[in-house]
Amino acid sequence: MILFHNDYNQTCHPRILNRMLQINNQQMDGYGVDACSEHARALICKICGRQDLAVHFLVGGTQTNLTVIDAALRPHQAVLCPVYGHINTHETGAVEATGHKVLPLECCSGKISAEQIEAVMCAHNQDPNREHTVQPKMVYISNPTEFGTIYTYNELEAISKICKKYGMYLFVDGARLGYALEASGNDITLSDLAELTDVFYIGGTKVGAMFGEAVVISNPALALDFRYLIKQHGAMLAKGWLLGVQFEVLFEDGLYMELSRHANKMADKIRSVLSRCNCPMLIEGTTNQIFPILPDPVLNDLKDHFTFSEQERIDEEHRAVRFCTSWSTEEKDVDELCAILDISLKEHQ
């Protein structure tokens, strides 16, 4: 069985394992104050073009989201996000468990707009009973989105301006950030993210690391006492060098971007076959997630050879599914999937 249902189904890039073996017999300070973590921080600051950033390594995406949001908000404040946002649909109420309400906004492509945010803030500020409701204080978006779509620089800049206008924090979930940065049509860089957001994170778990995310804080108000919150929320690893060394390897010679380009290239091969067979897409995208609408017989032809994620039933004969490539996807596996797709679609369409 060849797995295409997620992008974290293999351990980590061999260079990371090799580096771990190299330092295995060394003694290291704990909790992320070791030499590997310090070097990784310096590498990330350099590529972001700023030396005043606070960089912290956390164990996973859910811990990162709830820690960042809880660190930023007071008890009466809430976070806006797309209705399909990860914190709203896939984290078992982790943010709400910290006492902060998630306020979802409708969207059709996984993205929300500056206009939507401004409409929410205008309605809130004009409500004479607003003190009886939660106060929107943060905007959470992910890049790429849950549908593999990406924000443009102009879209992100517009959201950033609205957040500043209303005194809101902007937080970008980058669990798959590499795949967005290396996607066709992307015009956002890490330095742009450092400039336009208050905080974002660079995902490692889904982009070559064994586990871990790198939180990058540009707003000094959020950086204050952040390590206390990491510890309180169970996101601080005692053997913190295991996180630091992974991001050190990913960023010391461009490996992070190289792995991201590979995943997108593999996804493009699948998209090419689907396009050639005139297969409709639920959502168009250029990252490592592909959302085709396929006839049930085609899916039956695939299910004994490949895994994929069920997205939604379109009609009695068609379903939208997700294929997900990754840093570790082998081209021969993609070729095998493409060959069966090509034959089956021609037979059943």
Protein backbone atom coordinates (compact mmCIF):
# COMPACT_ATOMS: atom_id res chain seq x y z
CA MET A 1 0.00 0.00 0.00
CA ILE A 2 1.35 3.41 -1.01
CA LEU A 3 0.31 6.25 1.30
CA PHE A 4 -1.01 9.51 -0.10
CA HIS A 5 -3.38 10.46 2.73
CA ASN A 6 -1.00 12.77 4.64
CA ASP A 7 2.47 14.34 4.57
CA TYR A 8 3.85 12.96 7.83
CA ASN A 9 3.88 9.21 7.17
CA GLN A 10 7.67 8.81 7.25
CA THR A 11 10.07 9.54 10.08
CA CYS A 12 12.42 12.29 8.90
CA HIS A 13 15.04 13.14 6.32
CA PRO A 14 18.16 10.94 6.61
CA ARG A 15 20.40 13.98 7.18
CA ILE A 16 18.52 14.65 10.40
CA LEU A 17 18.93 11.08 11.60
CA ASN A 18 22.62 11.18 10.73
CA ARG A 19 23.12 14.43 12.66
CA MET A 20 21.29 12.95 15.65
CA LEU A 21 23.69 10.00 15.57
CA GLN A 22 26.65 12.38 15.41
CA ILE A 23 25.58 14.21 18.58
CA ASN A 24 24.14 11.17 20.33
CA ASN A 25 27.04 10.83 22.78
CA GLN A 26 27.33 14.54 23.50
CA GLN A 27 25.90 16.08 26.66
CA MET A 28 23.53 18.98 26.01
CA ASP A 29 21.73 21.55 28.11
CA GLY A 30 17.98 20.93 28.23
CA TYR A 31 14.83 22.87 27.40
CA GLY A 32 16.07 24.48 24.19
CA VAL A 33 19.06 26.45 25.47
CA ASP A 34 21.61 24.13 23.85
CA ALA A 35 24.10 25.03 21.11
CA CYS A 36 22.10 23.31 18.34
CA SER A 37 18.96 25.28 19.17
CA GLU A 38 20.88 28.55 19.38
CA HIS A 39 22.42 27.91 15.96
CA ALA A 40 19.03 27.02 14.49
CA ARG A 41 17.58 30.25 15.87
CA ALA A 42 20.38 32.24 14.27
CA LEU A 43 19.82 30.51 10.91
CA ILE A 44 16.09 31.28 10.98
CA CYS A 45 16.67 34.91 11.96
CA LYS A 46 19.15 35.26 9.12
CA ILE A 47 16.79 33.90 6.45
CA CYS A 48 14.00 36.12 7.84
CA GLY A 49 16.33 39.12 7.55
CA ARG A 50 15.95 40.22 11.18
CA GLN A 51 18.01 39.68 14.29
CA ASP A 52 15.36 40.89 16.74
CA LEU A 53 13.04 37.89 16.32
CA ALA A 54 12.25 35.52 19.16
CA VAL A 55 12.43 31.92 17.92
CA HIS A 56 11.15 28.99 19.99
CA PHE A 57 10.93 25.29 19.17
CA LEU A 58 7.75 23.48 20.22
CA VAL A 59 6.87 19.81 19.97
CA GLY A 60 3.85 19.90 17.64
CA GLY A 61 1.27 21.94 15.75
CA THR A 62 -1.65 21.74 18.17
CA GLN A 63 0.57 22.63 21.14
CA THR A 64 1.95 25.52 19.10
CA ASN A 65 -1.46 26.89 18.15
CA LEU A 66 -2.94 26.76 21.62
CA THR A 67 0.23 28.13 23.26
CA VAL A 68 0.56 31.08 20.89
CA ILE A 69 -3.12 31.97 21.10
CA ASP A 70 -3.33 31.63 24.88
CA ALA A 71 -0.15 33.67 25.30
CA ALA A 72 -1.57 36.51 23.20
CA LEU A 73 -5.15 36.78 24.50
CA ARG A 74 -6.67 37.96 27.73
CA PRO A 75 -9.50 35.81 29.18
CA HIS A 76 -12.31 37.78 27.48
CA GLN A 77 -10.72 37.76 24.03
CA ALA A 78 -11.28 35.52 21.01
CA VAL A 79 -9.58 34.52 17.77
CA LEU A 80 -11.00 34.84 14.25
CA CYS A 81 -10.22 32.10 11.75
CA PRO A 82 -11.52 30.52 8.53
CA VAL A 83 -14.37 28.09 9.17
CA TYR A 84 -12.10 25.31 7.86
CA GLY A 85 -9.15 26.51 9.95
CA HIS A 86 -7.22 23.80 11.78
CA ILE A 87 -7.97 25.28 15.21
CA ASN A 88 -11.69 25.12 14.40
CA THR A 89 -11.92 21.66 12.85
CA HIS A 90 -9.00 19.42 13.78
CA GLU A 91 -7.76 20.22 17.28
CA THR A 92 -10.48 18.81 19.53
CA GLY A 93 -11.33 22.19 21.02
CA ALA A 94 -7.74 22.74 22.21
CA VAL A 95 -7.99 26.53 21.94
CA GLU A 96 -11.40 26.63 23.62
CA ALA A 97 -9.96 24.48 26.41
CA THR A 98 -7.66 27.40 27.24
CA GLY A 99 -10.76 29.58 27.70
CA HIS A 100 -10.69 31.43 24.37
CA LYS A 101 -13.52 31.27 21.87
CA VAL A 102 -12.80 30.54 18.20
CA LEU A 103 -14.91 32.71 15.87
CA PRO A 104 -15.05 31.04 12.42
CA LEU A 105 -15.59 33.03 9.22
CA GLU A 106 -17.14 31.51 6.12
CA CYS A 107 -14.83 30.93 3.17
CA CYS A 108 -14.87 28.93 -0.05
CA SER A 109 -11.17 28.40 -0.71
CA GLY A 110 -9.79 28.13 2.81
CA LYS A 111 -8.88 31.83 2.85
CA ILE A 112 -10.46 34.80 4.57
CA SER A 113 -10.13 38.43 3.52
CA ALA A 114 -9.32 41.75 5.10
CA GLU A 115 -12.86 42.88 4.25
CA GLN A 116 -14.37 40.05 6.29
CA ILE A 117 -12.22 40.91 9.28
CA GLU A 118 -13.11 44.59 9.07
CA ALA A 119 -16.82 43.74 8.86
CA VAL A 120 -16.55 41.70 12.06
CA MET A 121 -14.70 44.46 13.89
CA CYS A 122 -17.12 47.17 12.73
CA ALA A 123 -20.08 45.09 13.89
CA HIS A 124 -18.42 44.41 17.24
CA ASN A 125 -17.41 48.02 17.88
CA GLN A 126 -20.86 49.32 16.92
CA ASP A 127 -22.67 46.86 19.17
CA PRO A 128 -23.87 48.74 22.30
CA ASN A 129 -23.79 45.44 24.18
CA ARG A 130 -20.32 44.42 23.05
CA GLU A 131 -19.05 44.02 26.61
CA HIS A 132 -21.41 41.05 26.90
CA THR A 133 -19.65 39.25 24.06
CA VAL A 134 -16.09 38.07 23.52
CA GLN A 135 -13.73 40.59 21.97
CA PRO A 136 -12.02 39.58 18.71
CA LYS A 137 -8.31 40.21 19.29
CA MET A 138 -6.41 37.84 17.01
CA VAL A 139 -6.67 36.66 13.41
CA TYR A 140 -5.50 33.11 12.71
CA ILE A 141 -4.84 31.96 9.17
CA SER A 142 -2.74 29.16 7.74
CA ASN A 143 -0.48 29.28 4.71
CA PRO A 144 -1.10 27.06 2.85
CA THR A 145 -4.71 26.62 3.91
CA GLU A 146 -6.46 23.36 4.68
CA PHE A 147 -7.30 23.23 0.97
CA GLY A 148 -3.75 23.81 -0.19
CA THR A 149 -4.42 27.34 -1.39
CA ILE A 150 -1.97 30.13 -0.68
CA TYR A 151 -2.24 33.78 0.27
CA THR A 152 -0.70 36.38 -2.01
CA TYR A 153 1.48 39.15 -0.65
CA ASN A 154 -1.27 41.70 -1.31
CA GLU A 155 -3.84 39.60 0.55
CA LEU A 156 -1.55 39.13 3.53
CA GLU A 157 -0.57 42.78 3.56
CA ALA A 158 -4.24 43.83 3.52
CA ILE A 159 -5.02 41.53 6.45
CA SER A 160 -1.98 42.84 8.31
CA LYS A 161 -3.12 46.45 7.82
CA ILE A 162 -6.61 45.68 9.12
CA CYS A 163 -5.17 43.91 12.15
CA LYS A 164 -2.99 46.93 12.93
CA LYS A 165 -5.95 49.28 12.39
CA TYR A 166 -8.00 47.47 15.03
CA GLY A 167 -5.15 46.53 17.38
CA MET A 168 -5.39 42.82 16.59
CA TYR A 169 -2.64 40.23 16.44
CA LEU A 170 -1.99 38.36 13.20
CA PHE A 171 -0.91 34.73 13.59
CA VAL A 172 0.02 32.52 10.61
CA ASP A 173 -0.02 28.75 11.08
CA GLY A 174 2.83 27.42 8.95
CA ALA A 175 2.53 23.70 9.56
CA ARG A 176 3.06 23.26 5.80
CA LEU A 177 4.78 26.58 5.25
CA GLY A 178 7.56 25.24 3.02
CA TYR A 179 5.03 23.93 0.52
CA ALA A 180 3.47 27.39 0.30
CA LEU A 181 6.79 29.22 -0.05
CA GLU A 182 7.87 26.95 -2.91
CA ALA A 183 4.48 26.83 -4.67
CA SER A 184 3.92 28.15 -8.17
CA GLY A 185 2.47 31.64 -7.94
CA ASN A 186 3.75 32.35 -4.43
CA ASP A 187 5.15 35.84 -3.84
CA ILE A 188 5.59 35.72 -0.05
CA THR A 189 8.96 35.17 1.64
CA LEU A 190 9.95 34.39 5.21
CA SER A 191 11.09 37.98 5.60
CA ASP A 192 7.63 39.14 4.47
CA LEU A 193 6.03 36.96 7.13
CA ALA A 194 8.35 38.40 9.78
CA GLU A 195 7.37 41.90 8.69
CA LEU A 196 3.61 41.49 8.23
CA THR A 197 2.69 39.18 11.14
CA ASP A 198 3.01 39.33 14.89
CA VAL A 199 3.85 35.65 15.03
CA PHE A 200 4.08 32.72 12.64
CA TYR A 201 5.57 29.28 12.71
CA ILE A 202 7.67 27.15 10.42
CA GLY A 203 6.35 23.60 10.34
CA GLY A 204 8.83 20.78 10.70
CA THR A 205 6.61 17.76 11.36
CA LYS A 206 5.13 17.85 7.84
CA VAL A 207 8.24 19.12 6.07
CA GLY A 208 11.09 16.73 6.74
CA ALA A 209 11.52 16.78 10.52
CA MET A 210 10.77 13.93 12.88
CA PHE A 211 8.61 16.35 14.87
CA GLY A 212 8.57 19.99 15.92
CA GLU A 213 7.61 23.52 14.88
CA ALA A 214 9.63 26.75 15.01
CA VAL A 215 7.65 29.70 16.36
CA VAL A 216 8.89 33.08 15.11
CA ILE A 217 7.70 36.09 17.11
CA SER A 218 8.21 39.60 15.75
CA ASN A 219 5.98 41.44 18.23
CA PRO A 220 7.92 41.99 21.48
CA ALA A 221 4.69 42.04 23.49
CA LEU A 222 4.05 38.41 22.55
CA ALA A 223 7.64 37.37 23.16
CA LEU A 224 7.51 38.45 26.81
CA ASP A 225 7.38 35.41 29.12
CA PHE A 226 6.59 33.12 26.19
CA ARG A 227 8.77 30.32 27.58
CA TYR A 228 6.59 30.23 30.71
CA LEU A 229 3.57 29.51 28.51
CA ILE A 230 5.43 26.88 26.48
CA LYS A 231 6.19 25.02 29.69
CA GLN A 232 2.70 25.45 31.13
CA HIS A 233 1.08 24.04 28.00
CA GLY A 234 3.27 20.95 27.80
CA ALA A 235 4.98 22.07 24.61
CA MET A 236 8.52 22.34 25.99
CA LEU A 237 10.76 19.33 25.43
CA ALA A 238 13.28 18.51 28.17
CA LYS A 239 15.65 17.18 25.52
CA GLY A 240 15.16 20.36 23.52
CA TRP A 241 18.24 19.76 21.41
CA LEU A 242 16.25 17.11 19.54
CA LEU A 243 14.18 19.98 18.14
CA GLY A 244 17.06 22.37 17.65
CA VAL A 245 19.23 19.94 15.72
CA GLN A 246 16.40 19.19 13.29
CA PHE A 247 15.86 22.84 12.36
CA GLU A 248 19.61 23.32 12.25
CA VAL A 249 19.85 20.66 9.53
CA LEU A 250 16.75 21.91 7.69
CA PHE A 251 18.02 25.49 7.43
CA GLU A 252 21.80 25.36 7.28
CA ASP A 253 22.00 24.61 3.53
CA GLY A 254 18.50 25.13 2.11
CA LEU A 255 17.22 21.61 2.76
CA TYR A 256 13.82 22.86 3.97
CA MET A 257 13.08 24.57 0.66
CA GLU A 258 14.54 21.71 -1.36
CA LEU A 259 12.23 19.19 0.30
CA SER A 260 9.25 21.49 -0.19
CA ARG A 261 9.99 21.90 -3.89
CA HIS A 262 10.16 18.13 -4.27
CA ALA A 263 6.72 17.60 -2.72
CA ASN A 264 5.16 20.25 -4.95
CA LYS A 265 6.83 18.76 -8.02
CA MET A 266 5.36 15.34 -7.20
CA ALA A 267 1.92 16.91 -6.71
CA ASP A 268 2.24 18.70 -10.06
CA LYS A 269 2.78 15.35 -11.79
CA ILE A 270 -0.52 14.09 -10.37
CA ARG A 271 -2.28 17.35 -11.28
CA SER A 272 -0.98 17.05 -14.83
CA VAL A 273 -2.60 13.64 -15.33
CA LEU A 274 -5.87 14.81 -13.79
CA SER A 275 -5.89 17.86 -16.04
CA ARG A 276 -5.13 15.82 -19.14
CA CYS A 277 -8.09 13.57 -18.28
CA ASN A 278 -10.36 16.62 -17.75
CA CYS A 279 -10.93 15.70 -14.11
CA PRO A 280 -12.67 18.49 -12.16
CA MET A 281 -11.14 19.75 -8.92
CA LEU A 282 -12.91 20.63 -5.69
CA ILE A 283 -10.30 23.34 -5.09
CA GLU A 284 -7.51 24.41 -7.42
CA GLY A 285 -4.07 24.74 -5.88
CA THR A 286 -0.33 24.58 -6.47
CA THR A 287 0.97 23.08 -3.22
CA ASN A 288 1.33 19.45 -2.13
CA GLN A 289 -2.40 18.85 -1.58
CA ILE A 290 -4.62 17.86 -4.53
CA PHE A 291 -8.45 17.69 -4.34
CA PRO A 292 -9.87 15.92 -7.41
CA ILE A 293 -13.50 14.93 -7.89
CA LEU A 294 -13.41 11.31 -9.04
CA PRO A 295 -16.02 8.76 -10.11
CA ASP A 296 -16.62 5.99 -7.58
CA PRO A 297 -15.32 3.26 -9.94
CA VAL A 298 -12.01 5.11 -10.23
CA LEU A 299 -11.73 5.31 -6.45
CA ASN A 300 -12.47 1.59 -6.26
CA ASP A 301 -9.60 0.97 -8.70
CA LEU A 302 -7.28 2.98 -6.45
CA LYS A 303 -8.25 1.84 -2.95
CA ASP A 304 -6.38 -1.48 -2.97
CA HIS A 305 -3.12 0.20 -3.98
CA PHE A 306 -3.15 3.68 -2.46
CA THR A 307 -4.46 5.56 0.56
CA PHE A 308 -6.15 8.94 0.21
CA SER A 309 -8.45 11.11 2.32
CA GLU A 310 -12.19 11.27 1.77
CA GLN A 311 -13.24 14.89 1.47
CA GLU A 312 -16.93 15.00 0.60
CA ARG A 313 -19.63 13.30 -1.47
CA ILE A 314 -20.40 15.40 -4.56
CA ASP A 315 -23.26 13.36 -6.00
CA GLU A 316 -24.38 9.75 -6.20
CA GLU A 317 -21.48 8.82 -8.47
CA HIS A 318 -18.62 11.17 -7.51
CA ARG A 319 -16.55 11.96 -4.43
CA ALA A 320 -13.94 14.62 -3.74
CA VAL A 321 -10.78 13.18 -2.19
CA ARG A 322 -7.37 14.47 -1.18
CA PHE A 323 -4.02 13.19 -2.39
CA CYS A 324 -1.12 14.53 -0.36
CA THR A 325 2.50 14.35 -1.42
CA SER A 326 5.42 15.10 0.89
CA TRP A 327 9.14 15.64 1.17
CA SER A 328 9.55 11.84 1.16
CA THR A 329 7.25 10.94 -1.75
CA GLU A 330 9.08 8.79 -4.27
CA GLU A 331 8.62 9.53 -7.96
CA LYS A 332 8.07 5.86 -8.79
CA ASP A 333 5.06 5.82 -6.44
CA VAL A 334 3.66 8.93 -8.10
CA ASP A 335 4.19 7.37 -11.51
CA GLU A 336 2.29 4.27 -10.40
CA LEU A 337 -0.61 6.38 -9.13
CA CYS A 338 -0.64 8.44 -12.33
CA ALA A 339 -0.67 5.35 -14.52
CA ILE A 340 -3.70 3.85 -12.77
CA LEU A 341 -5.48 7.22 -12.72
CA ASP A 342 -4.89 7.66 -16.43
CA ILE A 343 -6.27 4.23 -17.34
CA SER A 344 -9.19 4.29 -14.93
CA LEU A 345 -10.34 7.82 -15.76
CA LYS A 346 -10.35 7.08 -19.47
CA GLU A 347 -12.44 3.97 -18.78
CA HIS A 348 -14.97 5.43 -16.35
CA GLN A 349 -15.51 9.04 -17.38
